[in-house]
Amino acid sequence: MVEIERKFLVLSNDFMNDAFTKKRIVQAYLNSNPERTVRIRIKEDNAFLTIKGKGNATGTTRLEWETEIPVEAAEKLLLICEKGVIDKIRHEVNVGAHVYEVDVFFGDNEGLIVAEIELQSEDESFEKPIWLGEEVTNDNRYYNAYLSNNPFKSW
């Protein structure tokens, strides 16, 4: 139930040639408070309810609990979510022993591309591809819950 993850900006679309999956994700928040976010997500033909706790001092580690729910239920829950829907395409890219999840945002967050990598420990080493830019792990502006209320285009 613990997520250890690092986030980076992406410098170019070079990752697209190496992506092994590409899926559309639509998500919104029942609660976007950083202390405890509650998210509804539809990812292609599957839907999920996710609860995330506040990150530690580095922003790398936090509690995460997720369960699959029926798509029909997720569609109804999206109707009562806070304003601001996240719409993105997630590309999964193998780099060394890890998988980067690269999100290309649309709508009010168009122009933003963020890569995430999940790790087993905070000090785990990993390869950084040439398309990877600045690390933004501890910058709350790049969390989807923040982006739903403060879109990238308004920065």
N, C-alpha and C. Protein backbone atom coordinates (compact mmCIF):
# COMPACT_ATOMS: atom_id res chain seq x y z
N MET A 1 0.80 -1.20 0.00
CA MET A 1 0.00 0.00 0.00
C MET A 1 0.85 1.27 0.00
N VAL A 2 2.14 1.12 -0.29
CA VAL A 2 3.01 2.28 -0.36
C VAL A 2 3.49 2.46 -1.79
N GLU A 3 3.42 3.69 -2.26
CA GLU A 3 3.90 4.02 -3.61
C GLU A 3 5.20 4.81 -3.47
N ILE A 4 6.23 4.35 -4.17
CA ILE A 4 7.50 5.07 -4.23
C ILE A 4 7.69 5.44 -5.69
N GLU A 5 7.66 6.73 -5.96
CA GLU A 5 7.62 7.18 -7.35
C GLU A 5 8.37 8.49 -7.51
N ARG A 6 9.00 8.65 -8.67
CA ARG A 6 9.65 9.91 -9.00
C ARG A 6 9.06 10.44 -10.30
N LYS A 7 8.96 11.77 -10.40
CA LYS A 7 8.34 12.44 -11.55
C LYS A 7 9.36 13.34 -12.24
N PHE A 8 9.25 13.38 -13.56
CA PHE A 8 10.15 14.21 -14.36
C PHE A 8 9.38 14.87 -15.50
N LEU A 9 9.81 16.04 -15.89
CA LEU A 9 9.30 16.64 -17.12
C LEU A 9 9.94 15.89 -18.29
N VAL A 10 9.29 15.94 -19.43
CA VAL A 10 9.78 15.25 -20.62
C VAL A 10 10.17 16.31 -21.66
N LEU A 11 11.37 16.16 -22.22
CA LEU A 11 11.93 17.15 -23.12
C LEU A 11 11.48 17.02 -24.57
N SER A 12 11.15 15.80 -25.00
CA SER A 12 10.82 15.58 -26.42
C SER A 12 9.87 14.39 -26.55
N ASN A 13 9.37 14.19 -27.75
CA ASN A 13 8.48 13.06 -28.03
C ASN A 13 9.25 11.80 -28.42
N ASP A 14 10.55 11.76 -28.21
CA ASP A 14 11.37 10.62 -28.60
C ASP A 14 10.93 9.32 -27.92
N PHE A 15 10.27 9.40 -26.79
CA PHE A 15 9.82 8.20 -26.07
C PHE A 15 8.76 7.43 -26.84
N MET A 16 8.01 8.11 -27.70
CA MET A 16 6.86 7.49 -28.37
C MET A 16 7.24 6.28 -29.22
N ASN A 17 8.40 6.32 -29.84
CA ASN A 17 8.84 5.19 -30.67
C ASN A 17 9.09 3.93 -29.85
N ASP A 18 9.39 4.10 -28.57
CA ASP A 18 9.71 2.96 -27.70
C ASP A 18 8.55 2.52 -26.81
N ALA A 19 7.43 3.21 -26.88
CA ALA A 19 6.28 2.87 -26.03
C ALA A 19 5.70 1.51 -26.43
N PHE A 20 5.42 0.68 -25.42
CA PHE A 20 4.82 -0.62 -25.70
C PHE A 20 3.32 -0.63 -25.43
N THR A 21 2.80 0.38 -24.75
CA THR A 21 1.35 0.55 -24.61
C THR A 21 1.02 2.03 -24.70
N LYS A 22 -0.23 2.30 -25.04
CA LYS A 22 -0.74 3.67 -25.16
C LYS A 22 -2.21 3.60 -24.79
N LYS A 23 -2.59 4.25 -23.67
CA LYS A 23 -3.97 4.17 -23.19
C LYS A 23 -4.49 5.54 -22.78
N ARG A 24 -5.73 5.81 -23.12
CA ARG A 24 -6.36 7.06 -22.71
C ARG A 24 -6.86 6.92 -21.27
N ILE A 25 -6.65 7.96 -20.48
CA ILE A 25 -7.08 8.01 -19.09
C ILE A 25 -7.88 9.29 -18.88
N VAL A 26 -9.05 9.14 -18.28
CA VAL A 26 -9.86 10.27 -17.85
C VAL A 26 -10.05 10.10 -16.36
N GLN A 27 -9.78 11.15 -15.60
CA GLN A 27 -9.90 11.04 -14.15
C GLN A 27 -10.31 12.38 -13.55
N ALA A 28 -10.93 12.28 -12.37
CA ALA A 28 -11.33 13.46 -11.62
C ALA A 28 -11.28 13.09 -10.14
N TYR A 29 -11.47 14.10 -9.29
CA TYR A 29 -11.26 13.92 -7.86
C TYR A 29 -12.53 14.18 -7.07
N LEU A 30 -12.87 13.22 -6.19
CA LEU A 30 -13.91 13.45 -5.20
C LEU A 30 -13.36 14.33 -4.09
N ASN A 31 -12.03 14.24 -3.88
CA ASN A 31 -11.34 15.07 -2.89
C ASN A 31 -9.91 15.29 -3.38
N SER A 32 -9.53 16.55 -3.58
CA SER A 32 -8.18 16.85 -4.06
C SER A 32 -7.28 17.41 -2.97
N ASN A 33 -7.69 17.32 -1.72
CA ASN A 33 -6.87 17.78 -0.59
C ASN A 33 -5.58 16.95 -0.57
N PRO A 34 -4.39 17.60 -0.58
CA PRO A 34 -3.12 16.85 -0.61
C PRO A 34 -2.94 15.88 0.56
N GLU A 35 -3.64 16.09 1.66
CA GLU A 35 -3.55 15.18 2.80
C GLU A 35 -4.14 13.81 2.47
N ARG A 36 -5.15 13.79 1.58
CA ARG A 36 -5.83 12.54 1.21
C ARG A 36 -6.63 12.77 -0.07
N THR A 37 -6.08 12.40 -1.19
CA THR A 37 -6.81 12.55 -2.44
C THR A 37 -7.63 11.30 -2.70
N VAL A 38 -8.82 11.51 -3.28
CA VAL A 38 -9.70 10.40 -3.65
C VAL A 38 -10.02 10.59 -5.12
N ARG A 39 -9.56 9.64 -5.93
CA ARG A 39 -9.62 9.78 -7.38
C ARG A 39 -10.52 8.72 -8.00
N ILE A 40 -11.23 9.14 -9.05
CA ILE A 40 -11.97 8.21 -9.91
C ILE A 40 -11.25 8.24 -11.25
N ARG A 41 -10.92 7.06 -11.78
CA ARG A 41 -10.18 6.98 -13.04
C ARG A 41 -10.82 5.95 -13.96
N ILE A 42 -10.97 6.34 -15.22
CA ILE A 42 -11.35 5.38 -16.26
C ILE A 42 -10.17 5.27 -17.21
N LYS A 43 -9.67 4.05 -17.34
CA LYS A 43 -8.50 3.77 -18.18
C LYS A 43 -8.94 2.73 -19.20
N GLU A 44 -9.26 3.24 -20.41
CA GLU A 44 -9.80 2.40 -21.47
C GLU A 44 -11.10 1.73 -20.99
N ASP A 45 -11.10 0.40 -20.82
CA ASP A 45 -12.31 -0.34 -20.43
C ASP A 45 -12.34 -0.71 -18.95
N ASN A 46 -11.49 -0.10 -18.14
CA ASN A 46 -11.43 -0.40 -16.72
C ASN A 46 -11.58 0.89 -15.92
N ALA A 47 -12.04 0.76 -14.69
CA ALA A 47 -12.21 1.93 -13.83
C ALA A 47 -11.69 1.62 -12.43
N PHE A 48 -11.24 2.68 -11.74
CA PHE A 48 -10.60 2.51 -10.45
C PHE A 48 -10.97 3.63 -9.49
N LEU A 49 -11.04 3.27 -8.22
CA LEU A 49 -11.16 4.22 -7.13
C LEU A 49 -9.82 4.16 -6.40
N THR A 50 -9.18 5.32 -6.24
CA THR A 50 -7.85 5.37 -5.63
C THR A 50 -7.83 6.41 -4.52
N ILE A 51 -7.21 6.04 -3.42
CA ILE A 51 -7.00 6.97 -2.30
C ILE A 51 -5.49 7.07 -2.09
N LYS A 52 -5.00 8.31 -2.04
CA LYS A 52 -3.57 8.54 -1.82
C LYS A 52 -3.40 9.45 -0.62
N GLY A 53 -2.40 9.14 0.19
CA GLY A 53 -2.07 9.98 1.34
C GLY A 53 -1.05 11.04 0.96
N LYS A 54 -0.70 11.87 1.91
CA LYS A 54 0.28 12.92 1.70
C LYS A 54 1.66 12.30 1.53
N GLY A 55 2.46 12.86 0.65
CA GLY A 55 3.82 12.38 0.42
C GLY A 55 4.74 12.72 1.58
N ASN A 56 5.85 12.00 1.67
CA ASN A 56 6.86 12.29 2.69
C ASN A 56 7.61 13.56 2.32
N ALA A 57 8.66 13.89 3.05
CA ALA A 57 9.39 15.16 2.86
C ALA A 57 9.97 15.29 1.45
N THR A 58 10.37 14.20 0.84
CA THR A 58 10.92 14.26 -0.51
C THR A 58 9.85 14.19 -1.59
N GLY A 59 8.61 13.86 -1.19
CA GLY A 59 7.53 13.71 -2.15
C GLY A 59 7.56 12.39 -2.88
N THR A 60 8.49 11.52 -2.54
CA THR A 60 8.70 10.27 -3.26
C THR A 60 7.79 9.14 -2.78
N THR A 61 7.49 9.09 -1.49
CA THR A 61 6.77 7.96 -0.91
C THR A 61 5.47 8.43 -0.26
N ARG A 62 4.40 7.67 -0.54
CA ARG A 62 3.12 7.95 0.11
C ARG A 62 2.23 6.72 0.06
N LEU A 63 1.24 6.72 0.94
CA LEU A 63 0.28 5.63 0.98
C LEU A 63 -0.58 5.69 -0.27
N GLU A 64 -0.86 4.53 -0.85
CA GLU A 64 -1.77 4.46 -1.99
C GLU A 64 -2.61 3.19 -1.87
N TRP A 65 -3.91 3.35 -2.01
CA TRP A 65 -4.83 2.22 -2.01
C TRP A 65 -5.71 2.35 -3.24
N GLU A 66 -5.86 1.25 -3.98
CA GLU A 66 -6.64 1.31 -5.21
C GLU A 66 -7.45 0.03 -5.37
N THR A 67 -8.67 0.18 -5.90
CA THR A 67 -9.50 -0.98 -6.19
C THR A 67 -10.23 -0.76 -7.51
N GLU A 68 -10.44 -1.81 -8.23
CA GLU A 68 -11.18 -1.70 -9.50
C GLU A 68 -12.67 -1.61 -9.19
N ILE A 69 -13.36 -0.77 -9.95
CA ILE A 69 -14.81 -0.60 -9.81
C ILE A 69 -15.44 -0.71 -11.19
N PRO A 70 -16.75 -0.98 -11.27
CA PRO A 70 -17.39 -1.04 -12.59
C PRO A 70 -17.31 0.31 -13.31
N VAL A 71 -17.11 0.28 -14.62
CA VAL A 71 -17.02 1.50 -15.41
C VAL A 71 -18.29 2.34 -15.25
N GLU A 72 -19.44 1.68 -15.19
CA GLU A 72 -20.71 2.42 -15.05
C GLU A 72 -20.73 3.21 -13.73
N ALA A 73 -20.21 2.62 -12.67
CA ALA A 73 -20.14 3.32 -11.38
C ALA A 73 -19.18 4.50 -11.47
N ALA A 74 -18.04 4.30 -12.13
CA ALA A 74 -17.07 5.39 -12.28
C ALA A 74 -17.67 6.55 -13.07
N GLU A 75 -18.41 6.25 -14.11
CA GLU A 75 -19.04 7.31 -14.91
C GLU A 75 -20.02 8.13 -14.07
N LYS A 76 -20.76 7.47 -13.18
CA LYS A 76 -21.68 8.19 -12.30
C LYS A 76 -20.92 9.00 -11.26
N LEU A 77 -19.85 8.45 -10.71
CA LEU A 77 -19.05 9.17 -9.72
C LEU A 77 -18.37 10.39 -10.33
N LEU A 78 -17.96 10.30 -11.60
CA LEU A 78 -17.34 11.45 -12.26
C LEU A 78 -18.27 12.66 -12.27
N LEU A 79 -19.56 12.40 -12.28
CA LEU A 79 -20.54 13.49 -12.31
C LEU A 79 -20.58 14.30 -11.02
N ILE A 80 -20.12 13.71 -9.92
CA ILE A 80 -20.15 14.44 -8.64
C ILE A 80 -18.75 14.84 -8.16
N CYS A 81 -17.76 14.67 -9.02
CA CYS A 81 -16.39 15.05 -8.67
C CYS A 81 -16.22 16.56 -8.66
N GLU A 82 -15.13 17.00 -8.05
CA GLU A 82 -14.75 18.41 -8.09
C GLU A 82 -14.56 18.83 -9.54
N LYS A 83 -14.59 20.14 -9.78
CA LYS A 83 -14.38 20.64 -11.14
C LYS A 83 -12.98 20.27 -11.61
N GLY A 84 -12.82 20.18 -12.89
CA GLY A 84 -11.50 19.91 -13.46
C GLY A 84 -11.26 18.45 -13.72
N VAL A 85 -11.33 18.06 -14.98
CA VAL A 85 -11.09 16.67 -15.37
C VAL A 85 -9.71 16.57 -16.01
N ILE A 86 -8.99 15.54 -15.66
CA ILE A 86 -7.69 15.26 -16.27
C ILE A 86 -7.93 14.30 -17.44
N ASP A 87 -7.44 14.68 -18.61
CA ASP A 87 -7.55 13.86 -19.82
C ASP A 87 -6.14 13.72 -20.37
N LYS A 88 -5.69 12.47 -20.51
CA LYS A 88 -4.31 12.25 -20.95
C LYS A 88 -4.17 10.90 -21.64
N ILE A 89 -3.10 10.77 -22.39
CA ILE A 89 -2.71 9.48 -22.96
C ILE A 89 -1.46 9.04 -22.22
N ARG A 90 -1.49 7.82 -21.68
CA ARG A 90 -0.34 7.26 -20.97
C ARG A 90 0.40 6.30 -21.89
N HIS A 91 1.68 6.56 -22.04
CA HIS A 91 2.57 5.70 -22.82
C HIS A 91 3.48 4.98 -21.82
N GLU A 92 3.61 3.67 -21.94
CA GLU A 92 4.53 2.93 -21.08
C GLU A 92 5.77 2.58 -21.89
N VAL A 93 6.93 2.89 -21.31
CA VAL A 93 8.19 2.74 -22.02
C VAL A 93 9.18 1.99 -21.13
N ASN A 94 9.72 0.87 -21.64
CA ASN A 94 10.78 0.16 -20.93
C ASN A 94 12.10 0.91 -21.08
N VAL A 95 12.75 1.16 -19.96
CA VAL A 95 14.09 1.75 -19.96
C VAL A 95 14.89 0.97 -18.93
N GLY A 96 15.82 0.16 -19.40
CA GLY A 96 16.59 -0.69 -18.49
C GLY A 96 15.66 -1.66 -17.79
N ALA A 97 15.76 -1.74 -16.47
CA ALA A 97 14.95 -2.68 -15.69
C ALA A 97 13.62 -2.07 -15.24
N HIS A 98 13.29 -0.87 -15.68
CA HIS A 98 12.11 -0.16 -15.21
C HIS A 98 11.16 0.21 -16.35
N VAL A 99 9.97 0.58 -15.96
CA VAL A 99 8.97 1.10 -16.89
C VAL A 99 8.66 2.53 -16.51
N TYR A 100 8.78 3.42 -17.46
CA TYR A 100 8.35 4.81 -17.28
C TYR A 100 6.92 4.93 -17.80
N GLU A 101 6.07 5.61 -17.04
CA GLU A 101 4.73 5.96 -17.48
C GLU A 101 4.80 7.42 -17.89
N VAL A 102 4.61 7.67 -19.19
CA VAL A 102 4.74 9.01 -19.73
C VAL A 102 3.34 9.51 -20.09
N ASP A 103 2.90 10.56 -19.43
CA ASP A 103 1.56 11.12 -19.63
C ASP A 103 1.62 12.36 -20.50
N VAL A 104 0.89 12.31 -21.60
CA VAL A 104 0.73 13.45 -22.50
C VAL A 104 -0.66 14.01 -22.23
N PHE A 105 -0.72 15.23 -21.73
CA PHE A 105 -1.98 15.82 -21.29
C PHE A 105 -2.70 16.57 -22.41
N PHE A 106 -4.03 16.65 -22.28
CA PHE A 106 -4.88 17.35 -23.23
C PHE A 106 -5.76 18.35 -22.49
N GLY A 107 -6.62 19.02 -23.22
CA GLY A 107 -7.54 19.98 -22.60
C GLY A 107 -6.78 21.14 -22.00
N ASP A 108 -7.15 21.53 -20.79
CA ASP A 108 -6.52 22.67 -20.13
C ASP A 108 -5.08 22.40 -19.70
N ASN A 109 -4.63 21.16 -19.78
CA ASN A 109 -3.25 20.82 -19.43
C ASN A 109 -2.42 20.48 -20.66
N GLU A 110 -2.95 20.79 -21.84
CA GLU A 110 -2.23 20.50 -23.08
C GLU A 110 -0.88 21.21 -23.08
N GLY A 111 0.12 20.49 -23.59
CA GLY A 111 1.49 21.02 -23.62
C GLY A 111 2.35 20.44 -22.52
N LEU A 112 1.73 19.81 -21.54
CA LEU A 112 2.46 19.21 -20.43
C LEU A 112 2.69 17.73 -20.70
N ILE A 113 3.93 17.30 -20.51
CA ILE A 113 4.29 15.88 -20.62
C ILE A 113 5.12 15.54 -19.39
N VAL A 114 4.66 14.55 -18.62
CA VAL A 114 5.32 14.16 -17.37
C VAL A 114 5.59 12.65 -17.40
N ALA A 115 6.76 12.25 -16.95
CA ALA A 115 7.12 10.84 -16.84
C ALA A 115 7.25 10.47 -15.37
N GLU A 116 6.73 9.30 -15.02
CA GLU A 116 6.84 8.78 -13.67
C GLU A 116 7.50 7.41 -13.71
N ILE A 117 8.26 7.12 -12.67
CA ILE A 117 8.87 5.81 -12.54
C ILE A 117 8.61 5.33 -11.11
N GLU A 118 8.11 4.09 -10.99
CA GLU A 118 7.88 3.51 -9.66
C GLU A 118 9.10 2.69 -9.28
N LEU A 119 9.48 2.83 -8.02
CA LEU A 119 10.69 2.18 -7.51
C LEU A 119 10.36 1.29 -6.32
N GLN A 120 11.28 0.41 -5.98
CA GLN A 120 11.13 -0.46 -4.81
C GLN A 120 11.62 0.24 -3.54
N SER A 121 12.55 1.19 -3.70
CA SER A 121 13.05 1.96 -2.56
C SER A 121 13.43 3.35 -3.06
N GLU A 122 13.49 4.31 -2.14
CA GLU A 122 13.79 5.69 -2.53
C GLU A 122 15.19 5.84 -3.11
N ASP A 123 16.12 5.00 -2.69
CA ASP A 123 17.50 5.13 -3.17
C ASP A 123 17.83 4.16 -4.31
N GLU A 124 16.83 3.52 -4.89
CA GLU A 124 17.05 2.59 -5.99
C GLU A 124 17.57 3.35 -7.21
N SER A 125 18.58 2.79 -7.87
CA SER A 125 19.13 3.44 -9.06
C SER A 125 18.29 3.03 -10.28
N PHE A 126 18.29 3.91 -11.28
CA PHE A 126 17.54 3.66 -12.51
C PHE A 126 18.16 4.46 -13.65
N GLU A 127 17.93 3.97 -14.86
CA GLU A 127 18.45 4.66 -16.05
C GLU A 127 17.57 5.85 -16.39
N LYS A 128 18.23 6.92 -16.84
CA LYS A 128 17.51 8.12 -17.27
C LYS A 128 17.69 8.27 -18.78
N PRO A 129 16.61 8.11 -19.54
CA PRO A 129 16.70 8.25 -21.00
C PRO A 129 16.96 9.71 -21.41
N ILE A 130 17.40 9.91 -22.64
CA ILE A 130 17.77 11.25 -23.11
C ILE A 130 16.58 12.21 -23.16
N TRP A 131 15.37 11.68 -23.24
CA TRP A 131 14.18 12.54 -23.31
C TRP A 131 13.69 13.00 -21.94
N LEU A 132 14.33 12.51 -20.89
CA LEU A 132 13.92 12.88 -19.53
C LEU A 132 14.52 14.21 -19.13
N GLY A 133 13.69 15.10 -18.58
CA GLY A 133 14.15 16.43 -18.19
C GLY A 133 14.23 16.60 -16.68
N GLU A 134 13.90 17.77 -16.23
CA GLU A 134 14.00 18.16 -14.82
C GLU A 134 13.13 17.29 -13.92
N GLU A 135 13.66 16.91 -12.76
CA GLU A 135 12.86 16.17 -11.79
C GLU A 135 11.90 17.14 -11.07
N VAL A 136 10.63 16.71 -10.97
CA VAL A 136 9.60 17.54 -10.32
C VAL A 136 8.85 16.75 -9.25
N THR A 137 9.51 15.74 -8.71
CA THR A 137 8.88 14.86 -7.72
C THR A 137 8.28 15.63 -6.56
N ASN A 138 8.98 16.60 -6.05
CA ASN A 138 8.52 17.31 -4.86
C ASN A 138 7.85 18.65 -5.20
N ASP A 139 7.43 18.81 -6.45
CA ASP A 139 6.74 20.02 -6.88
C ASP A 139 5.26 19.69 -7.04
N ASN A 140 4.44 20.10 -6.08
CA ASN A 140 3.02 19.75 -6.06
C ASN A 140 2.26 20.19 -7.29
N ARG A 141 2.78 21.16 -8.04
CA ARG A 141 2.08 21.62 -9.24
C ARG A 141 1.92 20.52 -10.28
N TYR A 142 2.76 19.51 -10.23
CA TYR A 142 2.72 18.45 -11.23
C TYR A 142 1.91 17.23 -10.79
N TYR A 143 1.27 17.31 -9.64
CA TYR A 143 0.35 16.26 -9.22
C TYR A 143 -0.97 16.46 -9.95
N ASN A 144 -1.58 15.37 -10.39
CA ASN A 144 -2.83 15.46 -11.13
C ASN A 144 -3.93 16.16 -10.34
N ALA A 145 -3.97 15.95 -9.04
CA ALA A 145 -4.99 16.60 -8.21
C ALA A 145 -4.83 18.12 -8.28
N TYR A 146 -3.60 18.60 -8.28
CA TYR A 146 -3.36 20.04 -8.40
C TYR A 146 -3.74 20.52 -9.80
N LEU A 147 -3.33 19.75 -10.82
CA LEU A 147 -3.61 20.13 -12.21
C LEU A 147 -5.10 20.19 -12.51
N SER A 148 -5.89 19.40 -11.80
CA SER A 148 -7.33 19.41 -12.05
C SER A 148 -7.95 20.75 -11.64
N ASN A 149 -7.40 21.39 -10.62
CA ASN A 149 -7.90 22.68 -10.13
C ASN A 149 -7.12 23.88 -10.65
N ASN A 150 -5.87 23.65 -11.06
CA ASN A 150 -4.97 24.71 -11.52
C ASN A 150 -4.29 24.26 -12.81
N PRO A 151 -5.02 24.26 -13.90
CA PRO A 151 -4.50 23.69 -15.16
C PRO A 151 -3.21 24.35 -15.63
N PHE A 152 -2.40 23.56 -16.29
CA PHE A 152 -1.11 23.96 -16.81
C PHE A 152 -1.21 25.21 -17.68
N LYS A 153 -2.26 25.33 -18.49
CA LYS A 153 -2.41 26.47 -19.39
C LYS A 153 -2.58 27.79 -18.63
N SER A 154 -2.95 27.74 -17.35
CA SER A 154 -3.16 28.97 -16.57
C SER A 154 -1.92 29.39 -15.79
N TRP A 155 -0.81 28.67 -15.88
CA TRP A 155 0.38 29.00 -15.12
C TRP A 155 1.06 30.24 -15.66
